[in-house]
Amino acid sequence: MDSKTIKHISSLARISLTEREEEKIKDDLSSILKYVEQLNEVDTSTTEPLHHVAGLINSMRTDDYRGNFKMDENLNEKLIGQAPDKKDRFVKVKSVLNK
């Protein structure tokens, strides 16, 4: 990894670096690339790809009404009553569309 490459990468990333930072990054990137070279030398032809290390499964539930909160006028008033600005039974918000 040379200084020209570091300057090119920093310009692509729009990062300005001091000479000291360039040297540090040059050393760090060189070390990373050497490690990747070592990894590339390992024979993985008989190894199956690993997609997830925790063994988690996408557990989605159906979006069914469970009846946890019975909506009535009292609950509606409590919920709407917490809004900073309201009109009738609705919460008023600022417009998000340009006029």
PDB file of N, CA and C in Angstrom:
ATOM      1  N   MET A   1       0.862  -1.164   0.000  1.00  0.00           N
ATOM      2  CA  MET A   1       0.000   0.000   0.000  1.00  0.00           C
ATOM      3  C   MET A   1       0.910   1.229   0.000  1.00  0.00           C
ATOM      4  N   ASP A   2       0.747   2.063  -1.019  1.00  0.00           N
ATOM      5  CA  ASP A   2       1.598   3.250  -1.099  1.00  0.00           C
ATOM      6  C   ASP A   2       0.787   4.519  -0.797  1.00  0.00           C
ATOM      7  N   SER A   3       1.479   5.619  -0.649  1.00  0.00           N
ATOM      8  CA  SER A   3       0.844   6.888  -0.293  1.00  0.00           C
ATOM      9  C   SER A   3      -0.134   7.354  -1.361  1.00  0.00           C
ATOM     10  N   LYS A   4       0.199   7.081  -2.625  1.00  0.00           N
ATOM     11  CA  LYS A   4      -0.699   7.491  -3.716  1.00  0.00           C
ATOM     12  C   LYS A   4      -2.050   6.801  -3.586  1.00  0.00           C
ATOM     13  N   THR A   5      -2.044   5.513  -3.256  1.00  0.00           N
ATOM     14  CA  THR A   5      -3.289   4.762  -3.085  1.00  0.00           C
ATOM     15  C   THR A   5      -4.076   5.288  -1.884  1.00  0.00           C
ATOM     16  N   ILE A   6      -3.386   5.587  -0.795  1.00  0.00           N
ATOM     17  CA  ILE A   6      -4.053   6.125   0.392  1.00  0.00           C
ATOM     18  C   ILE A   6      -4.704   7.466   0.077  1.00  0.00           C
ATOM     19  N   LYS A   7      -4.005   8.325  -0.655  1.00  0.00           N
ATOM     20  CA  LYS A   7      -4.563   9.626  -1.031  1.00  0.00           C
ATOM     21  C   LYS A   7      -5.777   9.450  -1.937  1.00  0.00           C
ATOM     22  N   HIS A   8      -5.700   8.474  -2.844  1.00  0.00           N
ATOM     23  CA  HIS A   8      -6.828   8.208  -3.734  1.00  0.00           C
ATOM     24  C   HIS A   8      -8.046   7.726  -2.932  1.00  0.00           C
ATOM     25  N   ILE A   9      -7.824   6.804  -2.023  1.00  0.00           N
ATOM     26  CA  ILE A   9      -8.919   6.280  -1.196  1.00  0.00           C
ATOM     27  C   ILE A   9      -9.517   7.387  -0.331  1.00  0.00           C
ATOM     28  N   SER A  10      -8.667   8.217   0.257  1.00  0.00           N
ATOM     29  CA  SER A  10      -9.186   9.288   1.109  1.00  0.00           C
ATOM     30  C   SER A  10      -9.956  10.321   0.296  1.00  0.00           C
ATOM     31  N   SER A  11      -9.541  10.559  -0.941  1.00  0.00           N
ATOM     32  CA  SER A  11     -10.301  11.503  -1.771  1.00  0.00           C
ATOM     33  C   SER A  11     -11.649  10.907  -2.181  1.00  0.00           C
ATOM     34  N   LEU A  12     -11.679   9.597  -2.455  1.00  0.00           N
ATOM     35  CA  LEU A  12     -12.950   8.945  -2.764  1.00  0.00           C
ATOM     36  C   LEU A  12     -13.904   9.000  -1.574  1.00  0.00           C
ATOM     37  N   ALA A  13     -13.331   8.854  -0.373  1.00  0.00           N
ATOM     38  CA  ALA A  13     -14.149   8.891   0.843  1.00  0.00           C
ATOM     39  C   ALA A  13     -14.395  10.320   1.320  1.00  0.00           C
ATOM     40  N   ARG A  14     -13.769  11.275   0.622  1.00  0.00           N
ATOM     41  CA  ARG A  14     -13.877  12.698   0.980  1.00  0.00           C
ATOM     42  C   ARG A  14     -13.431  12.948   2.414  1.00  0.00           C
ATOM     43  N   ILE A  15     -12.286  12.373   2.722  1.00  0.00           N
ATOM     44  CA  ILE A  15     -11.676  12.522   4.040  1.00  0.00           C
ATOM     45  C   ILE A  15     -10.310  13.169   3.845  1.00  0.00           C
ATOM     46  N   SER A  16     -10.066  14.224   4.592  1.00  0.00           N
ATOM     47  CA  SER A  16      -8.732  14.824   4.521  1.00  0.00           C
ATOM     48  C   SER A  16      -7.886  14.235   5.644  1.00  0.00           C
ATOM     49  N   LEU A  17      -6.671  13.852   5.286  1.00  0.00           N
ATOM     50  CA  LEU A  17      -5.771  13.209   6.237  1.00  0.00           C
ATOM     51  C   LEU A  17      -4.477  13.993   6.350  1.00  0.00           C
ATOM     52  N   THR A  18      -3.941  14.010   7.558  1.00  0.00           N
ATOM     53  CA  THR A  18      -2.602  14.562   7.746  1.00  0.00           C
ATOM     54  C   THR A  18      -1.603  13.493   7.328  1.00  0.00           C
ATOM     55  N   GLU A  19      -0.344  13.877   7.197  1.00  0.00           N
ATOM     56  CA  GLU A  19       0.684  12.896   6.824  1.00  0.00           C
ATOM     57  C   GLU A  19       0.798  11.795   7.868  1.00  0.00           C
ATOM     58  N   ARG A  20       0.651  12.173   9.119  1.00  0.00           N
ATOM     59  CA  ARG A  20       0.720  11.192  10.211  1.00  0.00           C
ATOM     60  C   ARG A  20      -0.435  10.192  10.103  1.00  0.00           C
ATOM     61  N   GLU A  21      -1.640  10.708   9.806  1.00  0.00           N
ATOM     62  CA  GLU A  21      -2.800   9.825   9.653  1.00  0.00           C
ATOM     63  C   GLU A  21      -2.634   8.928   8.430  1.00  0.00           C
ATOM     64  N   GLU A  22      -2.077   9.473   7.355  1.00  0.00           N
ATOM     65  CA  GLU A  22      -1.839   8.666   6.152  1.00  0.00           C
ATOM     66  C   GLU A  22      -0.918   7.491   6.462  1.00  0.00           C
ATOM     67  N   GLU A  23       0.157   7.734   7.206  1.00  0.00           N
ATOM     68  CA  GLU A  23       1.085   6.662   7.568  1.00  0.00           C
ATOM     69  C   GLU A  23       0.390   5.601   8.415  1.00  0.00           C
ATOM     70  N   LYS A  24      -0.415   6.053   9.381  1.00  0.00           N
ATOM     71  CA  LYS A  24      -1.132   5.116  10.261  1.00  0.00           C
ATOM     72  C   LYS A  24      -2.092   4.260   9.444  1.00  0.00           C
ATOM     73  N   ILE A  25      -2.857   4.907   8.567  1.00  0.00           N
ATOM     74  CA  ILE A  25      -3.830   4.171   7.754  1.00  0.00           C
ATOM     75  C   ILE A  25      -3.115   3.249   6.773  1.00  0.00           C
ATOM     76  N   LYS A  26      -1.994   3.711   6.227  1.00  0.00           N
ATOM     77  CA  LYS A  26      -1.222   2.863   5.310  1.00  0.00           C
ATOM     78  C   LYS A  26      -0.775   1.593   6.024  1.00  0.00           C
ATOM     79  N   ASP A  27      -0.296   1.723   7.244  1.00  0.00           N
ATOM     80  CA  ASP A  27       0.119   0.549   8.022  1.00  0.00           C
ATOM     81  C   ASP A  27      -1.075  -0.353   8.331  1.00  0.00           C
ATOM     82  N   ASP A  28      -2.191   0.262   8.748  1.00  0.00           N
ATOM     83  CA  ASP A  28      -3.384  -0.517   9.094  1.00  0.00           C
ATOM     84  C   ASP A  28      -3.932  -1.268   7.886  1.00  0.00           C
ATOM     85  N   LEU A  29      -4.068  -0.570   6.754  1.00  0.00           N
ATOM     86  CA  LEU A  29      -4.606  -1.221   5.558  1.00  0.00           C
ATOM     87  C   LEU A  29      -3.670  -2.306   5.042  1.00  0.00           C
ATOM     88  N   SER A  30      -2.385  -2.065   5.120  1.00  0.00           N
ATOM     89  CA  SER A  30      -1.424  -3.096   4.696  1.00  0.00           C
ATOM     90  C   SER A  30      -1.560  -4.339   5.565  1.00  0.00           C
ATOM     91  N   SER A  31      -1.717  -4.130   6.854  1.00  0.00           N
ATOM     92  CA  SER A  31      -1.894  -5.252   7.775  1.00  0.00           C
ATOM     93  C   SER A  31      -3.176  -6.023   7.464  1.00  0.00           C
ATOM     94  N   ILE A  32      -4.237  -5.304   7.182  1.00  0.00           N
ATOM     95  CA  ILE A  32      -5.521  -5.952   6.852  1.00  0.00           C
ATOM     96  C   ILE A  32      -5.391  -6.751   5.567  1.00  0.00           C
ATOM     97  N   LEU A  33      -4.762  -6.157   4.555  1.00  0.00           N
ATOM     98  CA  LEU A  33      -4.602  -6.856   3.282  1.00  0.00           C
ATOM     99  C   LEU A  33      -3.726  -8.097   3.415  1.00  0.00           C
ATOM    100  N   LYS A  34      -2.691  -8.028   4.240  1.00  0.00           N
ATOM    101  CA  LYS A  34      -1.851  -9.212   4.481  1.00  0.00           C
ATOM    102  C   LYS A  34      -2.681 -10.321   5.136  1.00  0.00           C
ATOM    103  N   TYR A  35      -3.540  -9.945   6.072  1.00  0.00           N
ATOM    104  CA  TYR A  35      -4.376 -10.933   6.738  1.00  0.00           C
ATOM    105  C   TYR A  35      -5.364 -11.566   5.753  1.00  0.00           C
ATOM    106  N   VAL A  36      -5.940 -10.763   4.874  1.00  0.00           N
ATOM    107  CA  VAL A  36      -6.856 -11.292   3.861  1.00  0.00           C
ATOM    108  C   VAL A  36      -6.112 -12.244   2.929  1.00  0.00           C
ATOM    109  N   GLU A  37      -4.866 -11.930   2.600  1.00  0.00           N
ATOM    110  CA  GLU A  37      -4.059 -12.841   1.781  1.00  0.00           C
ATOM    111  C   GLU A  37      -3.889 -14.182   2.488  1.00  0.00           C
ATOM    112  N   GLN A  38      -3.650 -14.143   3.799  1.00  0.00           N
ATOM    113  CA  GLN A  38      -3.525 -15.385   4.564  1.00  0.00           C
ATOM    114  C   GLN A  38      -4.832 -16.173   4.505  1.00  0.00           C
ATOM    115  N   LEU A  39      -5.946 -15.484   4.659  1.00  0.00           N
ATOM    116  CA  LEU A  39      -7.244 -16.166   4.610  1.00  0.00           C
ATOM    117  C   LEU A  39      -7.505 -16.767   3.238  1.00  0.00           C
ATOM    118  N   ASN A  40      -7.068 -16.081   2.192  1.00  0.00           N
ATOM    119  CA  ASN A  40      -7.277 -16.597   0.837  1.00  0.00           C
ATOM    120  C   ASN A  40      -6.480 -17.868   0.572  1.00  0.00           C
ATOM    121  N   GLU A  41      -5.434 -18.112   1.329  1.00  0.00           N
ATOM    122  CA  GLU A  41      -4.622 -19.312   1.153  1.00  0.00           C
ATOM    123  C   GLU A  41      -5.273 -20.559   1.756  1.00  0.00           C
ATOM    124  N   VAL A  42      -6.242 -20.377   2.622  1.00  0.00           N
ATOM    125  CA  VAL A  42      -6.906 -21.511   3.275  1.00  0.00           C
ATOM    126  C   VAL A  42      -7.845 -22.188   2.289  1.00  0.00           C
ATOM    127  N   ASP A  43      -7.790 -23.524   2.250  1.00  0.00           N
ATOM    128  CA  ASP A  43      -8.650 -24.300   1.362  1.00  0.00           C
ATOM    129  C   ASP A  43     -10.038 -24.409   1.983  1.00  0.00           C
ATOM    130  N   THR A  44     -11.016 -23.768   1.363  1.00  0.00           N
ATOM    131  CA  THR A  44     -12.397 -23.809   1.863  1.00  0.00           C
ATOM    132  C   THR A  44     -13.325 -24.526   0.887  1.00  0.00           C
ATOM    133  N   SER A  45     -12.757 -25.298  -0.015  1.00  0.00           N
ATOM    134  CA  SER A  45     -13.569 -25.949  -1.044  1.00  0.00           C
ATOM    135  C   SER A  45     -14.558 -26.958  -0.461  1.00  0.00           C
ATOM    136  N   THR A  46     -14.250 -27.534   0.689  1.00  0.00           N
ATOM    137  CA  THR A  46     -15.164 -28.522   1.284  1.00  0.00           C
ATOM    138  C   THR A  46     -16.000 -27.932   2.422  1.00  0.00           C
ATOM    139  N   THR A  47     -15.910 -26.652   2.618  1.00  0.00           N
ATOM    140  CA  THR A  47     -16.651 -26.001   3.698  1.00  0.00           C
ATOM    141  C   THR A  47     -17.929 -25.388   3.162  1.00  0.00           C
ATOM    142  N   GLU A  48     -19.044 -25.671   3.847  1.00  0.00           N
ATOM    143  CA  GLU A  48     -20.317 -25.080   3.434  1.00  0.00           C
ATOM    144  C   GLU A  48     -20.377 -23.627   3.890  1.00  0.00           C
ATOM    145  N   PRO A  49     -21.008 -22.775   3.100  1.00  0.00           N
ATOM    146  CA  PRO A  49     -21.121 -21.363   3.487  1.00  0.00           C
ATOM    147  C   PRO A  49     -21.903 -21.211   4.792  1.00  0.00           C
ATOM    148  N   LEU A  50     -21.476 -20.291   5.598  1.00  0.00           N
ATOM    149  CA  LEU A  50     -22.136 -20.004   6.868  1.00  0.00           C
ATOM    150  C   LEU A  50     -22.880 -18.690   6.703  1.00  0.00           C
ATOM    151  N   HIS A  51     -24.196 -18.760   6.831  1.00  0.00           N
ATOM    152  CA  HIS A  51     -25.006 -17.563   6.619  1.00  0.00           C
ATOM    153  C   HIS A  51     -25.350 -16.858   7.916  1.00  0.00           C
ATOM    154  N   HIS A  52     -25.411 -17.597   8.997  1.00  0.00           N
ATOM    155  CA  HIS A  52     -25.781 -16.995  10.272  1.00  0.00           C
ATOM    156  C   HIS A  52     -25.120 -17.775  11.393  1.00  0.00           C
ATOM    157  N   VAL A  53     -24.460 -17.099  12.304  1.00  0.00           N
ATOM    158  CA  VAL A  53     -23.716 -17.790  13.348  1.00  0.00           C
ATOM    159  C   VAL A  53     -24.536 -18.060  14.596  1.00  0.00           C
ATOM    160  N   ALA A  54     -25.649 -17.364  14.780  1.00  0.00           N
ATOM    161  CA  ALA A  54     -26.424 -17.510  16.009  1.00  0.00           C
ATOM    162  C   ALA A  54     -27.515 -18.569  15.906  1.00  0.00           C
ATOM    163  N   GLY A  55     -27.803 -19.041  14.702  1.00  0.00           N
ATOM    164  CA  GLY A  55     -28.826 -20.059  14.541  1.00  0.00           C
ATOM    165  C   GLY A  55     -30.245 -19.529  14.705  1.00  0.00           C
ATOM    166  N   LEU A  56     -30.428 -18.233  14.595  1.00  0.00           N
ATOM    167  CA  LEU A  56     -31.754 -17.652  14.728  1.00  0.00           C
ATOM    168  C   LEU A  56     -32.580 -17.913  13.483  1.00  0.00           C
ATOM    169  N   ILE A  57     -33.854 -18.058  13.690  1.00  0.00           N
ATOM    170  CA  ILE A  57     -34.782 -18.281  12.591  1.00  0.00           C
ATOM    171  C   ILE A  57     -35.720 -17.088  12.536  1.00  0.00           C
ATOM    172  N   ASN A  58     -36.059 -16.662  11.347  1.00  0.00           N
ATOM    173  CA  ASN A  58     -36.984 -15.551  11.191  1.00  0.00           C
ATOM    174  C   ASN A  58     -38.350 -15.982  11.709  1.00  0.00           C
ATOM    175  N   SER A  59     -38.689 -15.546  12.897  1.00  0.00           N
ATOM    176  CA  SER A  59     -39.952 -15.964  13.504  1.00  0.00           C
ATOM    177  C   SER A  59     -40.946 -14.814  13.424  1.00  0.00           C
ATOM    178  N   MET A  60     -41.767 -14.873  12.420  1.00  0.00           N
ATOM    179  CA  MET A  60     -42.776 -13.836  12.215  1.00  0.00           C
ATOM    180  C   MET A  60     -44.120 -14.387  12.682  1.00  0.00           C
ATOM    181  N   ARG A  61     -44.878 -13.539  13.295  1.00  0.00           N
ATOM    182  CA  ARG A  61     -46.224 -13.950  13.679  1.00  0.00           C
ATOM    183  C   ARG A  61     -47.220 -13.262  12.758  1.00  0.00           C
ATOM    184  N   THR A  62     -48.377 -13.829  12.657  1.00  0.00           N
ATOM    185  CA  THR A  62     -49.404 -13.204  11.831  1.00  0.00           C
ATOM    186  C   THR A  62     -49.894 -11.944  12.530  1.00  0.00           C
ATOM    187  N   ASP A  63     -50.314 -11.004  11.760  1.00  0.00           N
ATOM    188  CA  ASP A  63     -50.784  -9.733  12.294  1.00  0.00           C
ATOM    189  C   ASP A  63     -52.279  -9.837  12.563  1.00  0.00           C
ATOM    190  N   ASP A  64     -52.603 -10.583  13.598  1.00  0.00           N
ATOM    191  CA  ASP A  64     -54.007 -10.795  13.960  1.00  0.00           C
ATOM    192  C   ASP A  64     -54.387  -9.910  15.134  1.00  0.00           C
ATOM    193  N   TYR A  65     -55.639  -9.536  15.172  1.00  0.00           N
ATOM    194  CA  TYR A  65     -56.156  -8.776  16.296  1.00  0.00           C
ATOM    195  C   TYR A  65     -56.202  -9.713  17.503  1.00  0.00           C
ATOM    196  N   ARG A  66     -55.521  -9.324  18.577  1.00  0.00           N
ATOM    197  CA  ARG A  66     -55.444 -10.177  19.750  1.00  0.00           C
ATOM    198  C   ARG A  66     -56.367  -9.719  20.869  1.00  0.00           C
ATOM    199  N   GLY A  67     -56.981  -8.568  20.703  1.00  0.00           N
ATOM    200  CA  GLY A  67     -57.929  -8.092  21.709  1.00  0.00           C
ATOM    201  C   GLY A  67     -57.271  -7.647  23.003  1.00  0.00           C
ATOM    202  N   ASN A  68     -55.995  -7.271  22.970  1.00  0.00           N
ATOM    203  CA  ASN A  68     -55.303  -6.846  24.188  1.00  0.00           C
ATOM    204  C   ASN A  68     -55.885  -5.561  24.752  1.00  0.00           C
ATOM    205  N   PHE A  69     -56.230  -4.635  23.864  1.00  0.00           N
ATOM    206  CA  PHE A  69     -56.777  -3.357  24.304  1.00  0.00           C
ATOM    207  C   PHE A  69     -58.111  -3.151  23.619  1.00  0.00           C
ATOM    208  N   LYS A  70     -59.142  -3.185  24.396  1.00  0.00           N
ATOM    209  CA  LYS A  70     -60.473  -2.933  23.845  1.00  0.00           C
ATOM    210  C   LYS A  70     -60.609  -1.432  23.657  1.00  0.00           C
ATOM    211  N   MET A  71     -60.748  -1.007  22.411  1.00  0.00           N
ATOM    212  CA  MET A  71     -60.872   0.413  22.126  1.00  0.00           C
ATOM    213  C   MET A  71     -62.283   0.858  22.479  1.00  0.00           C
ATOM    214  N   ASP A  72     -62.355   1.755  23.413  1.00  0.00           N
ATOM    215  CA  ASP A  72     -63.628   2.358  23.752  1.00  0.00           C
ATOM    216  C   ASP A  72     -63.421   3.871  23.852  1.00  0.00           C
ATOM    217  N   GLU A  73     -64.455   4.597  24.121  1.00  0.00           N
ATOM    218  CA  GLU A  73     -64.363   6.055  24.157  1.00  0.00           C
ATOM    219  C   GLU A  73     -63.397   6.531  25.234  1.00  0.00           C
ATOM    220  N   ASN A  74     -63.343   5.833  26.358  1.00  0.00           N
ATOM    221  CA  ASN A  74     -62.450   6.208  27.450  1.00  0.00           C
ATOM    222  C   ASN A  74     -60.979   6.060  27.041  1.00  0.00           C
ATOM    223  N   LEU A  75     -60.623   4.917  26.456  1.00  0.00           N
ATOM    224  CA  LEU A  75     -59.247   4.694  26.016  1.00  0.00           C
ATOM    225  C   LEU A  75     -58.884   5.646  24.880  1.00  0.00           C
ATOM    226  N   ASN A  76     -59.812   5.841  23.951  1.00  0.00           N
ATOM    227  CA  ASN A  76     -59.570   6.770  22.851  1.00  0.00           C
ATOM    228  C   ASN A  76     -59.289   8.172  23.389  1.00  0.00           C
ATOM    229  N   GLU A  77     -60.044   8.617  24.369  1.00  0.00           N
ATOM    230  CA  GLU A  77     -59.839   9.940  24.954  1.00  0.00           C
ATOM    231  C   GLU A  77     -58.486  10.031  25.648  1.00  0.00           C
ATOM    232  N   LYS A  78     -58.070   8.958  26.310  1.00  0.00           N
ATOM    233  CA  LYS A  78     -56.756   8.957  26.975  1.00  0.00           C
ATOM    234  C   LYS A  78     -55.630   9.056  25.948  1.00  0.00           C
ATOM    235  N   LEU A  79     -55.753   8.301  24.867  1.00  0.00           N
ATOM    236  CA  LEU A  79     -54.699   8.309  23.848  1.00  0.00           C
ATOM    237  C   LEU A  79     -54.640   9.642  23.112  1.00  0.00           C
ATOM    238  N   ILE A  80     -55.768  10.106  22.635  1.00  0.00           N
ATOM    239  CA  ILE A  80     -55.817  11.368  21.903  1.00  0.00           C
ATOM    240  C   ILE A  80     -55.514  12.533  22.846  1.00  0.00           C
ATOM    241  N   GLY A  81     -55.889  12.395  24.103  1.00  0.00           N
ATOM    242  CA  GLY A  81     -55.654  13.450  25.084  1.00  0.00           C
ATOM    243  C   GLY A  81     -54.183  13.719  25.336  1.00  0.00           C
ATOM    244  N   GLN A  82     -53.304  12.784  25.022  1.00  0.00           N
ATOM    245  CA  GLN A  82     -51.869  12.968  25.233  1.00  0.00           C
ATOM    246  C   GLN A  82     -51.208  13.747  24.105  1.00  0.00           C
ATOM    247  N   ALA A  83     -51.905  13.893  22.986  1.00  0.00           N
ATOM    248  CA  ALA A  83     -51.321  14.584  21.833  1.00  0.00           C
ATOM    249  C   ALA A  83     -51.222  16.082  22.115  1.00  0.00           C
ATOM    250  N   PRO A  84     -50.145  16.722  21.671  1.00  0.00           N
ATOM    251  CA  PRO A  84     -49.991  18.155  21.915  1.00  0.00           C
ATOM    252  C   PRO A  84     -50.996  19.000  21.132  1.00  0.00           C
ATOM    253  N   ASP A  85     -51.471  18.510  19.989  1.00  0.00           N
ATOM    254  CA  ASP A  85     -52.430  19.251  19.183  1.00  0.00           C
ATOM    255  C   ASP A  85     -53.431  18.261  18.607  1.00  0.00           C
ATOM    256  N   LYS A  86     -54.698  18.542  18.783  1.00  0.00           N
ATOM    257  CA  LYS A  86     -55.730  17.616  18.323  1.00  0.00           C
ATOM    258  C   LYS A  86     -56.951  18.370  17.836  1.00  0.00           C
ATOM    259  N   LYS A  87     -57.757  17.699  17.057  1.00  0.00           N
ATOM    260  CA  LYS A  87     -59.012  18.245  16.582  1.00  0.00           C
ATOM    261  C   LYS A  87     -60.021  17.112  16.573  1.00  0.00           C
ATOM    262  N   ASP A  88     -61.067  17.277  17.315  1.00  0.00           N
ATOM    263  CA  ASP A  88     -62.085  16.240  17.490  1.00  0.00           C
ATOM    264  C   ASP A  88     -61.410  14.966  17.994  1.00  0.00           C
ATOM    265  N   ARG A  89     -61.518  13.875  17.245  1.00  0.00           N
ATOM    266  CA  ARG A  89     -60.919  12.602  17.677  1.00  0.00           C
ATOM    267  C   ARG A  89     -59.595  12.325  16.985  1.00  0.00           C
ATOM    268  N   PHE A  90     -58.980  13.349  16.382  1.00  0.00           N
ATOM    269  CA  PHE A  90     -57.787  13.139  15.577  1.00  0.00           C
ATOM    270  C   PHE A  90     -56.604  13.936  16.118  1.00  0.00           C
ATOM    271  N   VAL A  91     -55.413  13.377  15.923  1.00  0.00           N
ATOM    272  CA  VAL A  91     -54.179  14.063  16.286  1.00  0.00           C
ATOM    273  C   VAL A  91     -53.776  14.923  15.101  1.00  0.00           C
ATOM    274  N   LYS A  92     -53.505  16.204  15.342  1.00  0.00           N
ATOM    275  CA  LYS A  92     -53.079  17.104  14.280  1.00  0.00           C
ATOM    276  C   LYS A  92     -51.555  17.104  14.207  1.00  0.00           C
ATOM    277  N   VAL A  93     -51.032  16.987  12.995  1.00  0.00           N
ATOM    278  CA  VAL A  93     -49.585  17.025  12.789  1.00  0.00           C
ATOM    279  C   VAL A  93     -49.295  18.032  11.677  1.00  0.00           C
ATOM    280  N   LYS A  94     -48.047  18.486  11.633  1.00  0.00           N
ATOM    281  CA  LYS A  94     -47.643  19.402  10.572  1.00  0.00           C
ATOM    282  C   LYS A  94     -47.659  18.668   9.237  1.00  0.00           C
ATOM    283  N   SER A  95     -47.893  19.409   8.183  1.00  0.00           N
ATOM    284  CA  SER A  95     -47.909  18.847   6.855  1.00  0.00           C
ATOM    285  C   SER A  95     -46.513  18.364   6.481  1.00  0.00           C
ATOM    286  N   VAL A  96     -46.448  17.218   5.841  1.00  0.00           N
ATOM    287  CA  VAL A  96     -45.167  16.684   5.385  1.00  0.00           C
ATOM    288  C   VAL A  96     -45.027  16.827   3.869  1.00  0.00           C
ATOM    289  N   LEU A  97     -46.056  17.326   3.235  1.00  0.00           N
ATOM    290  CA  LEU A  97     -46.032  17.498   1.784  1.00  0.00           C
ATOM    291  C   LEU A  97     -45.798  18.962   1.457  1.00  0.00           C
ATOM    292  N   ASN A  98     -44.996  19.209   0.452  1.00  0.00           N
ATOM    293  CA  ASN A  98     -44.761  20.592   0.009  1.00  0.00           C
ATOM    294  C   ASN A  98     -45.994  21.092  -0.720  1.00  0.00           C
ATOM    295  N   LYS A  99     -46.297  22.329  -0.494  1.00  0.00           N
ATOM    296  CA  LYS A  99     -47.471  22.895  -1.166  1.00  0.00           C
ATOM    297  C   LYS A  99     -47.060  23.629  -2.406  1.00  0.00           C
TER     298      LYS A  99
END
